[in-house]
Amino acid sequence: MILKQFDGIFAQTLVGDYDDDLPWEAVQALRKIGSRAVFDRAAEWCGSEDPLKRARGADVLAQIGRTGEHPTNNFPAESYLILSALAERERDFQWYMGTGLPSICRMASWAGAVSRTRWEISSSVGSASLASGPMLPRA
């Protein structure tokens, strides 16, 4: 894919309101492409200072590569690590209200809820075996 087209699709995820059709069509297109380059950019966005970019990065990573014909995440272990770290440090929930991330974040901060948080995130990325993985260090 030509780099300008790839950048254009990512830029479309930031257009309009969070729930508008155009940005979600772009998220779906990026998920369908499901390449390492898409993964890397979405992972980078999960660390952005911009809360909308973080949300869109998480939206892409949660189901990257998943389609009707390919029902699994292309990068389940890596997506899990990034999304669980984001869930532990996220404090701006306005962009996540339609997702499970606010509740995941709250659970991550409660004592004894680590396994539930792992389950929620591993379910999202499609790898239940990750639910028993090691705890990430706090940022």
Protein backbone atom coordinates (compact mmCIF):
# COMPACT_ATOMS: atom_id res chain seq x y z
CA MET A 1 0.00 0.00 0.00
CA ILE A 2 1.28 3.46 -0.84
CA LEU A 3 2.40 5.29 2.30
CA LYS A 4 0.20 8.34 1.58
CA GLN A 5 -2.91 6.13 1.35
CA PHE A 6 -1.97 4.40 4.59
CA ASP A 7 -1.48 7.74 6.36
CA GLY A 8 -4.76 8.95 4.89
CA ILE A 9 -6.69 6.05 6.40
CA PHE A 10 -5.20 6.72 9.83
CA ALA A 11 -6.03 10.43 9.44
CA GLN A 12 -9.66 9.53 8.64
CA THR A 13 -10.00 7.83 12.03
CA LEU A 14 -9.67 11.28 13.62
CA VAL A 15 -12.30 13.04 11.48
CA GLY A 16 -15.65 14.07 12.94
CA ASP A 17 -17.15 12.74 16.13
CA TYR A 18 -15.96 9.50 17.71
CA ASP A 19 -19.10 7.57 16.70
CA ASP A 20 -19.41 8.94 13.14
CA ASP A 21 -19.40 6.46 10.27
CA LEU A 22 -16.32 7.80 8.43
CA PRO A 23 -13.82 7.25 11.25
CA TRP A 24 -15.22 3.80 11.99
CA GLU A 25 -14.99 2.85 8.33
CA ALA A 26 -11.33 3.84 8.49
CA VAL A 27 -10.82 1.78 11.67
CA GLN A 28 -12.44 -1.21 9.95
CA ALA A 29 -10.22 -0.74 6.88
CA LEU A 30 -7.09 -0.67 9.05
CA ARG A 31 -8.22 -3.76 10.94
CA LYS A 32 -8.82 -5.54 7.65
CA ILE A 33 -5.38 -4.60 6.30
CA GLY A 34 -3.99 -6.03 9.53
CA SER A 35 -0.33 -5.62 8.58
CA ARG A 36 2.71 -5.11 10.79
CA ALA A 37 2.84 -1.49 9.59
CA VAL A 38 -0.77 -0.91 10.71
CA PHE A 39 -0.03 -2.61 14.03
CA ASP A 40 3.08 -0.48 14.59
CA ARG A 41 1.27 2.78 13.86
CA ALA A 42 -1.72 1.85 16.05
CA ALA A 43 0.65 0.82 18.86
CA GLU A 44 2.43 4.16 18.53
CA TRP A 45 -0.90 5.97 18.75
CA CYS A 46 -1.71 4.13 22.01
CA GLY A 47 1.16 6.11 23.56
CA SER A 48 0.12 9.47 22.12
CA GLU A 49 -0.54 12.58 24.19
CA ASP A 50 -3.80 12.96 22.20
CA PRO A 51 -6.60 10.94 23.87
CA LEU A 52 -8.47 10.47 20.58
CA LYS A 53 -5.35 9.00 18.96
CA ARG A 54 -4.94 6.65 21.94
CA ALA A 55 -8.56 5.57 21.57
CA ARG A 56 -8.25 5.00 17.83
CA GLY A 57 -5.01 3.08 18.29
CA ALA A 58 -6.81 0.85 20.80
CA ASP A 59 -9.80 0.49 18.45
CA VAL A 60 -7.50 -0.82 15.70
CA LEU A 61 -5.42 -3.11 17.92
CA ALA A 62 -8.42 -4.69 19.63
CA GLN A 63 -9.39 -6.51 16.43
CA ILE A 64 -6.50 -6.09 14.01
CA GLY A 65 -6.71 -8.69 11.29
CA ARG A 66 -10.05 -10.09 12.46
CA THR A 67 -12.55 -10.75 9.69
CA GLY A 68 -15.31 -13.26 9.04
CA GLU A 69 -12.78 -15.50 7.32
CA HIS A 70 -10.00 -14.86 9.88
CA PRO A 71 -11.58 -14.67 13.36
CA THR A 72 -8.39 -14.02 15.33
CA ASN A 73 -6.21 -11.01 16.05
CA ASN A 74 -3.05 -10.98 13.90
CA PHE A 75 -0.88 -9.92 16.85
CA PRO A 76 -2.66 -11.19 19.97
CA ALA A 77 0.24 -11.21 22.46
CA GLU A 78 1.55 -7.82 21.42
CA SER A 79 -1.93 -6.27 21.28
CA TYR A 80 -2.67 -7.64 24.75
CA LEU A 81 0.48 -6.10 26.22
CA ILE A 82 -0.18 -2.69 24.70
CA LEU A 83 -3.89 -2.61 25.55
CA SER A 84 -3.41 -3.84 29.10
CA ALA A 85 -0.70 -1.20 29.69
CA LEU A 86 -3.04 1.45 28.23
CA ALA A 87 -5.86 0.24 30.49
CA GLU A 88 -3.66 0.60 33.55
CA ARG A 89 -2.55 4.15 32.81
CA GLU A 90 -5.54 5.71 30.98
CA ARG A 91 -7.34 8.51 32.80
CA ASP A 92 -9.26 10.26 29.98
CA PHE A 93 -12.31 8.09 29.30
CA GLN A 94 -14.37 10.42 27.12
CA TRP A 95 -13.30 8.59 23.95
CA TYR A 96 -13.84 5.12 25.37
CA MET A 97 -17.41 5.39 26.66
CA GLY A 98 -18.78 3.04 23.99
CA THR A 99 -16.10 0.45 24.70
CA GLY A 100 -15.18 -1.71 27.65
CA LEU A 101 -11.95 0.21 28.35
CA PRO A 102 -13.32 2.44 31.16
CA SER A 103 -14.45 -0.58 33.14
CA ILE A 104 -11.23 -2.40 32.33
CA CYS A 105 -9.25 0.60 33.58
CA ARG A 106 -11.26 0.79 36.79
CA MET A 107 -10.79 -2.92 37.35
CA ALA A 108 -7.05 -2.62 36.75
CA SER A 109 -6.80 -0.22 39.67
CA TRP A 110 -8.78 -2.40 42.09
CA ALA A 111 -6.88 -4.86 44.24
CA GLY A 112 -7.63 -8.44 43.28
CA ALA A 113 -9.05 -7.58 39.86
CA VAL A 114 -5.95 -8.27 37.78
CA SER A 115 -7.18 -11.62 36.45
CA ARG A 116 -10.54 -10.10 35.42
CA THR A 117 -8.73 -7.29 33.59
CA ARG A 118 -6.55 -9.80 31.78
CA TRP A 119 -9.62 -11.77 30.78
CA GLU A 120 -11.42 -8.69 29.40
CA ILE A 121 -8.44 -7.61 27.31
CA SER A 122 -7.51 -11.10 26.15
CA SER A 123 -11.12 -11.62 25.05
CA SER A 124 -10.91 -8.44 23.01
CA VAL A 125 -7.71 -9.47 21.23
CA GLY A 126 -8.82 -13.08 20.87
CA SER A 127 -6.33 -14.94 22.99
CA ALA A 128 -7.73 -16.47 26.18
CA SER A 129 -4.34 -18.05 26.91
CA LEU A 130 -2.99 -14.58 27.66
CA ALA A 131 -5.30 -14.19 30.63
CA SER A 132 -2.81 -15.93 32.89
CA GLY A 133 0.24 -14.03 31.62
CA PRO A 134 2.66 -12.03 33.76
CA MET A 135 1.60 -8.70 35.24
CA LEU A 136 3.03 -5.67 33.48
CA PRO A 137 5.02 -3.16 35.54
CA ARG A 138 3.16 0.07 36.20
CA ALA A 139 4.26 3.06 34.12
